[in-house]
Amino acid sequence: MTTKISRPRGRPRRFDADQAVATAQKLFHARGYDAVGVADVAEALGINPPSFYAAFGNKAGLYTRVLERYAATGAIPLQDLLRPDRPVAECLAALLEQAARHYAADPGAAGCLVIEGSRANDPDARQAACAYRVAAETVIRDFIAARVPEEAERLTDFVGTVMAGLSAQARNGHGLERLLATARLAGQAVAQTLVG
């Protein structure tokens, strides 16, 4: 008895989808969503645009996959920093300093992929990035609310604003020392708010 093995129609893919998402992540992080075209991604992957569309649907579809990968492997580890056994002010200061380090780690891809993506012109890409930003803000708000509920909204807004500013300044060329100085100043403001 022989078993006939059916093969998928068409030519086999010449690229690994996970590696393609990693490559696209570098492009989007370095240039921003709006500045990267399908042709740029296809060229970086060594495929033609029809193969790109067959694999990812469209640019926003690929970007969603990039955001999923970033959240799983490259985002700031909120759960590790926002610990219930440490004071709230200490945790938020550590979060802001980690953001500064993270955003300055690669000058070629500075800033936060999610924060910068939430400014994209494409509504689908912007919505996808905003969903991750809101999810992160919810984690921060819930952490604060569990300990100092009366300050949760205000401090979450402050931390989110500082992180967005750190991301923007990293993309503008501010180095680690300048970003850390800003993060530490913001950490002092948080500590004063929680003491007062």
N, C-alpha and C. Protein backbone atom coordinates (compact mmCIF):
# COMPACT_ATOMS: atom_id res chain seq x y z
N MET A 1 0.84 -1.17 0.00
CA MET A 1 0.00 0.00 0.00
C MET A 1 0.88 1.23 0.00
N THR A 2 0.56 2.14 -0.83
CA THR A 2 1.32 3.39 -0.88
C THR A 2 0.43 4.54 -0.42
N THR A 3 1.07 5.47 0.21
CA THR A 3 0.36 6.66 0.66
C THR A 3 0.80 7.83 -0.19
N LYS A 4 -0.18 8.47 -0.75
CA LYS A 4 0.13 9.62 -1.58
C LYS A 4 0.21 10.86 -0.69
N ILE A 5 1.31 11.54 -0.71
CA ILE A 5 1.50 12.76 0.07
C ILE A 5 1.21 13.94 -0.82
N SER A 6 0.23 14.70 -0.40
CA SER A 6 -0.11 15.87 -1.21
C SER A 6 0.77 17.05 -0.80
N ARG A 7 1.19 17.77 -1.78
CA ARG A 7 2.00 18.95 -1.54
C ARG A 7 1.16 20.19 -1.77
N PRO A 8 1.47 21.26 -1.03
CA PRO A 8 0.72 22.49 -1.27
C PRO A 8 0.96 22.99 -2.68
N ARG A 9 -0.04 23.62 -3.23
CA ARG A 9 0.07 24.15 -4.59
C ARG A 9 1.01 25.35 -4.60
N GLY A 10 1.54 25.60 -5.76
CA GLY A 10 2.43 26.75 -5.92
C GLY A 10 3.84 26.45 -5.45
N ARG A 11 4.65 27.46 -5.59
CA ARG A 11 6.03 27.30 -5.16
C ARG A 11 6.12 27.34 -3.63
N PRO A 12 7.04 26.58 -3.04
CA PRO A 12 7.17 26.63 -1.58
C PRO A 12 7.72 28.01 -1.16
N ARG A 13 7.34 28.42 0.03
CA ARG A 13 7.85 29.70 0.53
C ARG A 13 9.36 29.63 0.67
N ARG A 14 9.99 30.73 0.31
CA ARG A 14 11.45 30.77 0.38
C ARG A 14 11.91 31.46 1.64
N PHE A 15 11.03 31.66 2.58
CA PHE A 15 11.41 32.34 3.80
C PHE A 15 10.69 31.74 4.99
N ASP A 16 11.27 31.93 6.14
CA ASP A 16 10.70 31.49 7.40
C ASP A 16 9.83 32.63 7.93
N ALA A 17 8.55 32.37 8.19
CA ALA A 17 7.62 33.43 8.59
C ALA A 17 8.05 34.11 9.88
N ASP A 18 8.54 33.33 10.86
CA ASP A 18 8.98 33.93 12.12
C ASP A 18 10.18 34.85 11.91
N GLN A 19 11.10 34.40 11.08
CA GLN A 19 12.28 35.23 10.77
C GLN A 19 11.85 36.46 9.99
N ALA A 20 10.86 36.31 9.14
CA ALA A 20 10.35 37.46 8.38
C ALA A 20 9.75 38.50 9.31
N VAL A 21 9.02 38.06 10.32
CA VAL A 21 8.43 38.99 11.29
C VAL A 21 9.54 39.69 12.07
N ALA A 22 10.58 38.96 12.44
CA ALA A 22 11.71 39.56 13.16
C ALA A 22 12.40 40.62 12.29
N THR A 23 12.57 40.33 11.02
CA THR A 23 13.20 41.28 10.10
C THR A 23 12.31 42.52 9.95
N ALA A 24 11.01 42.30 9.79
CA ALA A 24 10.08 43.42 9.65
C ALA A 24 10.05 44.26 10.92
N GLN A 25 10.17 43.62 12.08
CA GLN A 25 10.19 44.36 13.35
C GLN A 25 11.36 45.35 13.36
N LYS A 26 12.50 44.91 12.90
CA LYS A 26 13.67 45.81 12.85
C LYS A 26 13.39 47.01 11.95
N LEU A 27 12.78 46.75 10.81
CA LEU A 27 12.47 47.85 9.88
C LEU A 27 11.48 48.83 10.49
N PHE A 28 10.38 48.32 11.03
CA PHE A 28 9.36 49.20 11.62
C PHE A 28 9.92 49.98 12.81
N HIS A 29 10.73 49.32 13.61
CA HIS A 29 11.29 49.99 14.79
C HIS A 29 12.28 51.07 14.38
N ALA A 30 13.07 50.79 13.38
CA ALA A 30 14.09 51.75 12.96
C ALA A 30 13.49 52.96 12.23
N ARG A 31 12.51 52.72 11.36
CA ARG A 31 12.00 53.79 10.50
C ARG A 31 10.63 54.31 10.89
N GLY A 32 9.87 53.51 11.62
CA GLY A 32 8.49 53.86 11.91
C GLY A 32 7.57 53.21 10.89
N TYR A 33 6.35 52.94 11.29
CA TYR A 33 5.40 52.23 10.43
C TYR A 33 5.20 52.94 9.10
N ASP A 34 4.95 54.25 9.14
CA ASP A 34 4.60 54.98 7.93
C ASP A 34 5.73 55.04 6.90
N ALA A 35 6.95 54.99 7.36
CA ALA A 35 8.10 55.13 6.46
C ALA A 35 8.51 53.81 5.80
N VAL A 36 7.90 52.71 6.21
CA VAL A 36 8.25 51.41 5.65
C VAL A 36 7.14 50.98 4.68
N GLY A 37 7.52 50.74 3.45
CA GLY A 37 6.56 50.29 2.45
C GLY A 37 6.61 48.79 2.26
N VAL A 38 5.60 48.26 1.61
CA VAL A 38 5.57 46.83 1.30
C VAL A 38 6.80 46.45 0.49
N ALA A 39 7.19 47.30 -0.45
CA ALA A 39 8.38 47.00 -1.27
C ALA A 39 9.63 46.90 -0.39
N ASP A 40 9.74 47.77 0.63
CA ASP A 40 10.89 47.71 1.55
C ASP A 40 10.93 46.37 2.28
N VAL A 41 9.77 45.95 2.79
CA VAL A 41 9.71 44.69 3.53
C VAL A 41 9.99 43.52 2.59
N ALA A 42 9.36 43.52 1.43
CA ALA A 42 9.57 42.43 0.48
C ALA A 42 11.04 42.32 0.09
N GLU A 43 11.67 43.46 -0.14
CA GLU A 43 13.10 43.45 -0.49
C GLU A 43 13.94 42.90 0.65
N ALA A 44 13.66 43.33 1.87
CA ALA A 44 14.42 42.86 3.04
C ALA A 44 14.23 41.35 3.24
N LEU A 45 13.07 40.85 2.88
CA LEU A 45 12.79 39.42 3.04
C LEU A 45 13.23 38.59 1.84
N GLY A 46 13.56 39.27 0.75
CA GLY A 46 13.97 38.55 -0.45
C GLY A 46 12.81 37.89 -1.17
N ILE A 47 11.62 38.52 -1.09
CA ILE A 47 10.45 37.98 -1.76
C ILE A 47 9.84 39.09 -2.63
N ASN A 48 8.88 38.70 -3.45
CA ASN A 48 8.21 39.72 -4.25
C ASN A 48 6.91 40.14 -3.55
N PRO A 49 6.34 41.29 -3.90
CA PRO A 49 5.12 41.76 -3.22
C PRO A 49 3.97 40.75 -3.22
N PRO A 50 3.69 40.02 -4.33
CA PRO A 50 2.60 39.04 -4.24
C PRO A 50 2.85 37.98 -3.15
N SER A 51 4.09 37.56 -2.99
CA SER A 51 4.40 36.60 -1.92
C SER A 51 4.20 37.22 -0.55
N PHE A 52 4.53 38.51 -0.45
CA PHE A 52 4.30 39.22 0.81
C PHE A 52 2.81 39.21 1.15
N TYR A 53 1.98 39.60 0.18
CA TYR A 53 0.54 39.65 0.42
C TYR A 53 -0.03 38.27 0.73
N ALA A 54 0.49 37.24 0.07
CA ALA A 54 0.03 35.88 0.34
C ALA A 54 0.37 35.45 1.77
N ALA A 55 1.51 35.89 2.25
CA ALA A 55 1.95 35.48 3.59
C ALA A 55 1.32 36.30 4.71
N PHE A 56 1.13 37.61 4.49
CA PHE A 56 0.73 38.49 5.59
C PHE A 56 -0.57 39.24 5.35
N GLY A 57 -1.15 39.16 4.18
CA GLY A 57 -2.38 39.87 3.89
C GLY A 57 -2.13 41.30 3.45
N ASN A 58 -1.56 42.09 4.32
CA ASN A 58 -1.21 43.47 4.01
C ASN A 58 -0.19 43.96 5.03
N LYS A 59 0.23 45.20 4.89
CA LYS A 59 1.26 45.74 5.78
C LYS A 59 0.77 45.79 7.23
N ALA A 60 -0.48 46.19 7.43
CA ALA A 60 -1.02 46.24 8.79
C ALA A 60 -1.11 44.85 9.41
N GLY A 61 -1.39 43.84 8.59
CA GLY A 61 -1.41 42.47 9.09
C GLY A 61 -0.04 42.03 9.57
N LEU A 62 0.98 42.36 8.80
CA LEU A 62 2.34 42.06 9.23
C LEU A 62 2.67 42.84 10.50
N TYR A 63 2.28 44.10 10.55
CA TYR A 63 2.57 44.92 11.72
C TYR A 63 1.93 44.34 12.98
N THR A 64 0.73 43.80 12.85
CA THR A 64 0.09 43.16 14.00
C THR A 64 0.93 41.99 14.49
N ARG A 65 1.46 41.22 13.57
CA ARG A 65 2.35 40.10 13.94
C ARG A 65 3.63 40.62 14.60
N VAL A 66 4.15 41.74 14.09
CA VAL A 66 5.34 42.35 14.68
C VAL A 66 5.05 42.78 16.12
N LEU A 67 3.90 43.41 16.34
CA LEU A 67 3.54 43.85 17.69
C LEU A 67 3.40 42.66 18.64
N GLU A 68 2.82 41.58 18.16
CA GLU A 68 2.70 40.37 18.98
C GLU A 68 4.08 39.86 19.39
N ARG A 69 5.00 39.85 18.43
CA ARG A 69 6.36 39.39 18.71
C ARG A 69 7.05 40.34 19.69
N TYR A 70 6.90 41.64 19.47
CA TYR A 70 7.51 42.64 20.35
C TYR A 70 6.99 42.49 21.77
N ALA A 71 5.69 42.31 21.93
CA ALA A 71 5.10 42.16 23.26
C ALA A 71 5.64 40.92 23.96
N ALA A 72 5.89 39.87 23.19
CA ALA A 72 6.35 38.61 23.77
C ALA A 72 7.85 38.59 24.04
N THR A 73 8.63 39.34 23.25
CA THR A 73 10.09 39.20 23.36
C THR A 73 10.85 40.49 23.60
N GLY A 74 10.27 41.65 23.26
CA GLY A 74 11.08 42.86 23.31
C GLY A 74 10.54 44.00 24.13
N ALA A 75 9.35 43.84 24.67
CA ALA A 75 8.75 44.93 25.43
C ALA A 75 9.30 44.98 26.85
N ILE A 76 9.07 46.07 27.52
CA ILE A 76 9.50 46.23 28.91
C ILE A 76 8.72 45.23 29.77
N PRO A 77 9.41 44.46 30.61
CA PRO A 77 8.74 43.42 31.41
C PRO A 77 8.00 44.02 32.61
N LEU A 78 6.79 44.50 32.38
CA LEU A 78 6.03 45.18 33.43
C LEU A 78 5.84 44.31 34.67
N GLN A 79 5.52 43.05 34.47
CA GLN A 79 5.26 42.17 35.62
C GLN A 79 6.50 42.00 36.50
N ASP A 80 7.68 42.06 35.91
CA ASP A 80 8.91 41.93 36.69
C ASP A 80 9.22 43.20 37.48
N LEU A 81 8.80 44.33 36.96
CA LEU A 81 9.12 45.62 37.58
C LEU A 81 8.06 46.08 38.58
N LEU A 82 6.81 45.79 38.31
CA LEU A 82 5.72 46.24 39.17
C LEU A 82 5.38 45.12 40.16
N ARG A 83 6.17 45.06 41.21
CA ARG A 83 6.07 43.96 42.16
C ARG A 83 5.33 44.38 43.42
N PRO A 84 4.44 43.55 43.89
CA PRO A 84 3.66 43.90 45.08
C PRO A 84 4.48 43.93 46.37
N ASP A 85 5.68 43.38 46.37
CA ASP A 85 6.50 43.38 47.58
C ASP A 85 7.42 44.60 47.67
N ARG A 86 7.27 45.55 46.75
CA ARG A 86 8.10 46.77 46.77
C ARG A 86 7.19 47.98 46.78
N PRO A 87 7.67 49.12 47.29
CA PRO A 87 6.84 50.33 47.31
C PRO A 87 6.48 50.77 45.88
N VAL A 88 5.29 51.35 45.76
CA VAL A 88 4.79 51.79 44.46
C VAL A 88 5.76 52.77 43.81
N ALA A 89 6.20 53.76 44.55
CA ALA A 89 7.10 54.77 43.98
C ALA A 89 8.40 54.14 43.48
N GLU A 90 8.91 53.19 44.22
CA GLU A 90 10.14 52.50 43.81
C GLU A 90 9.93 51.73 42.51
N CYS A 91 8.80 51.05 42.41
CA CYS A 91 8.49 50.28 41.20
C CYS A 91 8.31 51.18 39.99
N LEU A 92 7.59 52.28 40.17
CA LEU A 92 7.37 53.18 39.04
C LEU A 92 8.67 53.85 38.61
N ALA A 93 9.53 54.19 39.58
CA ALA A 93 10.83 54.76 39.23
C ALA A 93 11.67 53.73 38.45
N ALA A 94 11.62 52.48 38.90
CA ALA A 94 12.35 51.42 38.19
C ALA A 94 11.81 51.24 36.78
N LEU A 95 10.49 51.33 36.63
CA LEU A 95 9.87 51.22 35.31
C LEU A 95 10.34 52.33 34.39
N LEU A 96 10.37 53.55 34.88
CA LEU A 96 10.80 54.67 34.04
C LEU A 96 12.27 54.56 33.67
N GLU A 97 13.10 54.13 34.61
CA GLU A 97 14.53 53.95 34.29
C GLU A 97 14.72 52.82 33.28
N GLN A 98 13.96 51.75 33.44
CA GLN A 98 14.06 50.65 32.47
C GLN A 98 13.61 51.12 31.09
N ALA A 99 12.56 51.95 31.05
CA ALA A 99 12.11 52.49 29.77
C ALA A 99 13.23 53.29 29.11
N ALA A 100 13.91 54.12 29.89
CA ALA A 100 15.02 54.92 29.35
C ALA A 100 16.10 54.00 28.77
N ARG A 101 16.46 52.98 29.52
CA ARG A 101 17.50 52.04 29.05
C ARG A 101 17.03 51.31 27.79
N HIS A 102 15.80 50.86 27.83
CA HIS A 102 15.24 50.09 26.73
C HIS A 102 15.18 50.94 25.45
N TYR A 103 14.71 52.16 25.57
CA TYR A 103 14.52 53.02 24.40
C TYR A 103 15.84 53.48 23.80
N ALA A 104 16.90 53.50 24.61
CA ALA A 104 18.21 53.94 24.13
C ALA A 104 19.13 52.77 23.76
N ALA A 105 18.68 51.56 23.97
CA ALA A 105 19.54 50.39 23.79
C ALA A 105 20.08 50.25 22.37
N ASP A 106 19.27 50.56 21.39
CA ASP A 106 19.68 50.42 20.00
C ASP A 106 19.44 51.75 19.29
N PRO A 107 20.50 52.55 19.11
CA PRO A 107 20.30 53.85 18.46
C PRO A 107 19.67 53.76 17.07
N GLY A 108 19.84 52.64 16.41
CA GLY A 108 19.24 52.46 15.09
C GLY A 108 17.75 52.16 15.14
N ALA A 109 17.26 51.79 16.31
CA ALA A 109 15.83 51.48 16.49
C ALA A 109 15.40 52.02 17.85
N ALA A 110 15.61 53.30 18.06
CA ALA A 110 15.37 53.92 19.36
C ALA A 110 13.87 54.09 19.61
N GLY A 111 13.55 54.22 20.87
CA GLY A 111 12.17 54.46 21.26
C GLY A 111 11.39 53.17 21.41
N CYS A 112 10.10 53.31 21.60
CA CYS A 112 9.20 52.18 21.82
C CYS A 112 8.41 51.91 20.54
N LEU A 113 8.47 50.70 20.07
CA LEU A 113 7.74 50.31 18.86
C LEU A 113 6.24 50.56 19.00
N VAL A 114 5.69 50.27 20.19
CA VAL A 114 4.25 50.44 20.41
C VAL A 114 3.88 51.92 20.48
N ILE A 115 4.60 52.68 21.29
CA ILE A 115 4.28 54.11 21.44
C ILE A 115 4.40 54.82 20.10
N GLU A 116 5.47 54.56 19.39
CA GLU A 116 5.65 55.22 18.09
C GLU A 116 4.61 54.75 17.09
N GLY A 117 4.23 53.47 17.15
CA GLY A 117 3.20 52.95 16.26
C GLY A 117 1.83 53.54 16.51
N SER A 118 1.60 53.99 17.74
CA SER A 118 0.28 54.57 18.06
C SER A 118 0.09 55.93 17.39
N ARG A 119 1.13 56.41 16.72
CA ARG A 119 1.04 57.67 15.96
C ARG A 119 0.96 57.43 14.45
N ALA A 120 0.85 56.18 14.04
CA ALA A 120 0.85 55.83 12.61
C ALA A 120 -0.35 56.47 11.91
N ASN A 121 -0.16 56.80 10.65
CA ASN A 121 -1.25 57.35 9.85
C ASN A 121 -2.30 56.30 9.49
N ASP A 122 -1.87 55.06 9.30
CA ASP A 122 -2.78 53.98 8.94
C ASP A 122 -3.66 53.64 10.15
N PRO A 123 -4.98 53.75 10.01
CA PRO A 123 -5.85 53.52 11.17
C PRO A 123 -5.77 52.11 11.73
N ASP A 124 -5.57 51.10 10.89
CA ASP A 124 -5.46 49.73 11.39
C ASP A 124 -4.19 49.53 12.21
N ALA A 125 -3.08 50.05 11.71
CA ALA A 125 -1.82 49.96 12.44
C ALA A 125 -1.89 50.75 13.74
N ARG A 126 -2.45 51.94 13.67
CA ARG A 126 -2.58 52.79 14.86
C ARG A 126 -3.45 52.09 15.91
N GLN A 127 -4.55 51.51 15.47
CA GLN A 127 -5.44 50.82 16.39
C GLN A 127 -4.74 49.62 17.05
N ALA A 128 -3.98 48.88 16.27
CA ALA A 128 -3.25 47.72 16.82
C ALA A 128 -2.23 48.17 17.86
N ALA A 129 -1.47 49.21 17.55
CA ALA A 129 -0.48 49.70 18.51
C ALA A 129 -1.15 50.28 19.75
N CYS A 130 -2.23 51.01 19.55
CA CYS A 130 -2.94 51.59 20.69
C CYS A 130 -3.49 50.52 21.62
N ALA A 131 -3.91 49.40 21.07
CA ALA A 131 -4.41 48.31 21.92
C ALA A 131 -3.31 47.81 22.86
N TYR A 132 -2.09 47.70 22.36
CA TYR A 132 -0.98 47.28 23.23
C TYR A 132 -0.63 48.36 24.24
N ARG A 133 -0.68 49.61 23.82
CA ARG A 133 -0.41 50.72 24.75
C ARG A 133 -1.44 50.74 25.87
N VAL A 134 -2.71 50.61 25.52
CA VAL A 134 -3.78 50.61 26.52
C VAL A 134 -3.62 49.41 27.47
N ALA A 135 -3.25 48.27 26.94
CA ALA A 135 -3.06 47.09 27.78
C ALA A 135 -1.94 47.33 28.79
N ALA A 136 -0.85 47.95 28.36
CA ALA A 136 0.26 48.25 29.27
C ALA A 136 -0.19 49.26 30.33
N GLU A 137 -0.92 50.29 29.91
CA GLU A 137 -1.41 51.28 30.87
C GLU A 137 -2.36 50.65 31.88
N THR A 138 -3.13 49.67 31.45
CA THR A 138 -4.04 48.98 32.36
C THR A 138 -3.27 48.21 33.42
N VAL A 139 -2.18 47.57 33.02
CA VAL A 139 -1.33 46.85 33.99
C VAL A 139 -0.78 47.85 35.01
N ILE A 140 -0.30 48.98 34.54
CA ILE A 140 0.25 49.99 35.45
C ILE A 140 -0.85 50.53 36.37
N ARG A 141 -1.99 50.87 35.81
CA ARG A 141 -3.10 51.41 36.61
C ARG A 141 -3.56 50.41 37.66
N ASP A 142 -3.70 49.16 37.27
CA ASP A 142 -4.14 48.13 38.22
C ASP A 142 -3.13 47.96 39.35
N PHE A 143 -1.85 48.02 39.02
CA PHE A 143 -0.80 47.91 40.04
C PHE A 143 -0.92 49.05 41.04
N ILE A 144 -1.06 50.27 40.55
CA ILE A 144 -1.16 51.42 41.44
C ILE A 144 -2.47 51.36 42.24
N ALA A 145 -3.57 51.04 41.56
CA ALA A 145 -4.88 51.03 42.22
C ALA A 145 -4.96 50.03 43.35
N ALA A 146 -4.21 48.95 43.26
CA ALA A 146 -4.23 47.95 44.33
C ALA A 146 -3.64 48.50 45.63
N ARG A 147 -2.80 49.53 45.52
CA ARG A 147 -2.11 50.06 46.70
C ARG A 147 -2.53 51.48 47.06
N VAL A 148 -2.68 52.33 46.04
CA VAL A 148 -3.08 53.73 46.27
C VAL A 148 -4.14 54.11 45.24
N PRO A 149 -5.36 53.61 45.43
CA PRO A 149 -6.40 53.79 44.42
C PRO A 149 -6.71 55.25 44.09
N GLU A 150 -6.58 56.13 45.04
CA GLU A 150 -6.90 57.54 44.79
C GLU A 150 -5.90 58.20 43.83
N GLU A 151 -4.74 57.60 43.63
CA GLU A 151 -3.71 58.16 42.75
C GLU A 151 -3.57 57.39 41.44
N ALA A 152 -4.34 56.33 41.26
CA ALA A 152 -4.12 55.42 40.13
C ALA A 152 -4.24 56.12 38.78
N GLU A 153 -5.32 56.88 38.58
CA GLU A 153 -5.54 57.52 37.29
C GLU A 153 -4.46 58.56 36.99
N ARG A 154 -4.22 59.41 37.96
CA ARG A 154 -3.26 60.50 37.77
C ARG A 154 -1.84 59.98 37.55
N LEU A 155 -1.42 59.02 38.36
CA LEU A 155 -0.06 58.49 38.21
C LEU A 155 0.10 57.68 36.93
N THR A 156 -0.94 56.95 36.54
CA THR A 156 -0.86 56.21 35.28
C THR A 156 -0.70 57.18 34.11
N ASP A 157 -1.48 58.25 34.11
CA ASP A 157 -1.35 59.27 33.06
C ASP A 157 0.05 59.87 33.05
N PHE A 158 0.57 60.15 34.24
CA PHE A 158 1.91 60.75 34.33
C PHE A 158 2.98 59.79 33.80
N VAL A 159 2.93 58.55 34.25
CA VAL A 159 3.92 57.56 33.81
C VAL A 159 3.83 57.34 32.31
N GLY A 160 2.61 57.22 31.79
CA GLY A 160 2.44 57.04 30.34
C GLY A 160 2.98 58.22 29.54
N THR A 161 2.74 59.42 30.05
CA THR A 161 3.24 60.63 29.38
C THR A 161 4.76 60.68 29.39
N VAL A 162 5.35 60.35 30.53
CA VAL A 162 6.82 60.35 30.62
C VAL A 162 7.40 59.29 29.68
N MET A 163 6.79 58.11 29.65
CA MET A 163 7.31 57.07 28.76
C MET A 163 7.21 57.49 27.30
N ALA A 164 6.10 58.13 26.92
CA ALA A 164 5.97 58.62 25.55
C ALA A 164 7.04 59.67 25.25
N GLY A 165 7.30 60.54 26.20
CA GLY A 165 8.34 61.55 26.02
C GLY A 165 9.72 60.93 25.92
N LEU A 166 10.00 59.93 26.74
CA LEU A 166 11.29 59.25 26.66
C LEU A 166 11.47 58.58 25.30
N SER A 167 10.40 57.96 24.81
CA SER A 167 10.46 57.32 23.50
C SER A 167 10.75 58.34 22.40
N ALA A 168 10.01 59.46 22.44
CA ALA A 168 10.20 60.50 21.42
C ALA A 168 11.61 61.08 21.49
N GLN A 169 12.11 61.32 22.69
CA GLN A 169 13.45 61.90 22.82
C GLN A 169 14.53 60.90 22.40
N ALA A 170 14.30 59.63 22.66
CA ALA A 170 15.26 58.61 22.18
C ALA A 170 15.31 58.64 20.67
N ARG A 171 14.16 58.74 20.02
CA ARG A 171 14.12 58.81 18.55
C ARG A 171 14.74 60.11 18.05
N ASN A 172 14.70 61.15 18.88
CA ASN A 172 15.32 62.43 18.51
C ASN A 172 16.82 62.46 18.77
N GLY A 173 17.37 61.37 19.28
CA GLY A 173 18.81 61.28 19.46
C GLY A 173 19.32 61.45 20.88
N HIS A 174 18.43 61.62 21.84
CA HIS A 174 18.92 61.70 23.22
C HIS A 174 19.52 60.37 23.62
N GLY A 175 20.69 60.44 24.24
CA GLY A 175 21.38 59.23 24.67
C GLY A 175 20.89 58.76 26.02
N LEU A 176 21.47 57.67 26.47
CA LEU A 176 21.03 57.02 27.70
C LEU A 176 21.11 57.96 28.90
N GLU A 177 22.20 58.70 29.05
CA GLU A 177 22.35 59.55 30.24
C GLU A 177 21.27 60.61 30.33
N ARG A 178 20.94 61.22 29.22
CA ARG A 178 19.88 62.24 29.22
C ARG A 178 18.53 61.61 29.52
N LEU A 179 18.26 60.46 28.93
CA LEU A 179 16.99 59.79 29.19
C LEU A 179 16.89 59.35 30.65
N LEU A 180 17.98 58.82 31.20
CA LEU A 180 17.97 58.42 32.60
C LEU A 180 17.77 59.61 33.53
N ALA A 181 18.37 60.74 33.20
CA ALA A 181 18.19 61.93 34.02
C ALA A 181 16.71 62.33 34.06
N THR A 182 16.06 62.27 32.92
CA THR A 182 14.63 62.59 32.87
C THR A 182 13.82 61.56 33.64
N ALA A 183 14.12 60.29 33.45
CA ALA A 183 13.40 59.22 34.15
C ALA A 183 13.57 59.36 35.66
N ARG A 184 14.76 59.69 36.12
CA ARG A 184 15.00 59.84 37.56
C ARG A 184 14.28 61.04 38.13
N LEU A 185 14.24 62.12 37.39
CA LEU A 185 13.50 63.29 37.83
C LEU A 185 12.01 62.96 37.94
N ALA A 186 11.49 62.23 36.97
CA ALA A 186 10.09 61.81 37.01
C ALA A 186 9.85 60.86 38.19
N GLY A 187 10.80 59.99 38.45
CA GLY A 187 10.68 59.08 39.60
C GLY A 187 10.61 59.85 40.91
N GLN A 188 11.39 60.93 41.01
CA GLN A 188 11.33 61.77 42.22
C GLN A 188 9.96 62.43 42.35
N ALA A 189 9.39 62.86 41.24
CA ALA A 189 8.05 63.47 41.27
C ALA A 189 7.01 62.47 41.74
N VAL A 190 7.12 61.23 41.29
CA VAL A 190 6.20 60.19 41.75
C VAL A 190 6.34 59.98 43.25
N ALA A 191 7.58 59.88 43.71
CA ALA A 191 7.82 59.67 45.15
C ALA A 191 7.24 60.82 45.96
N GLN A 192 7.43 62.05 45.52
CA GLN A 192 6.89 63.21 46.24
C GLN A 192 5.36 63.20 46.24
N THR A 193 4.78 62.79 45.15
CA THR A 193 3.32 62.72 45.07
C THR A 193 2.77 61.70 46.07
N LEU A 194 3.44 60.59 46.20
CA LEU A 194 2.95 59.54 47.09
C LEU A 194 3.25 59.83 48.56
N VAL A 195 4.23 60.68 48.82
CA VAL A 195 4.52 61.07 50.21
C VAL A 195 3.56 62.16 50.65
N GLY A 196 3.26 63.12 49.76
CA GLY A 196 2.48 64.30 50.10
C GLY A 196 1.02 64.05 50.24
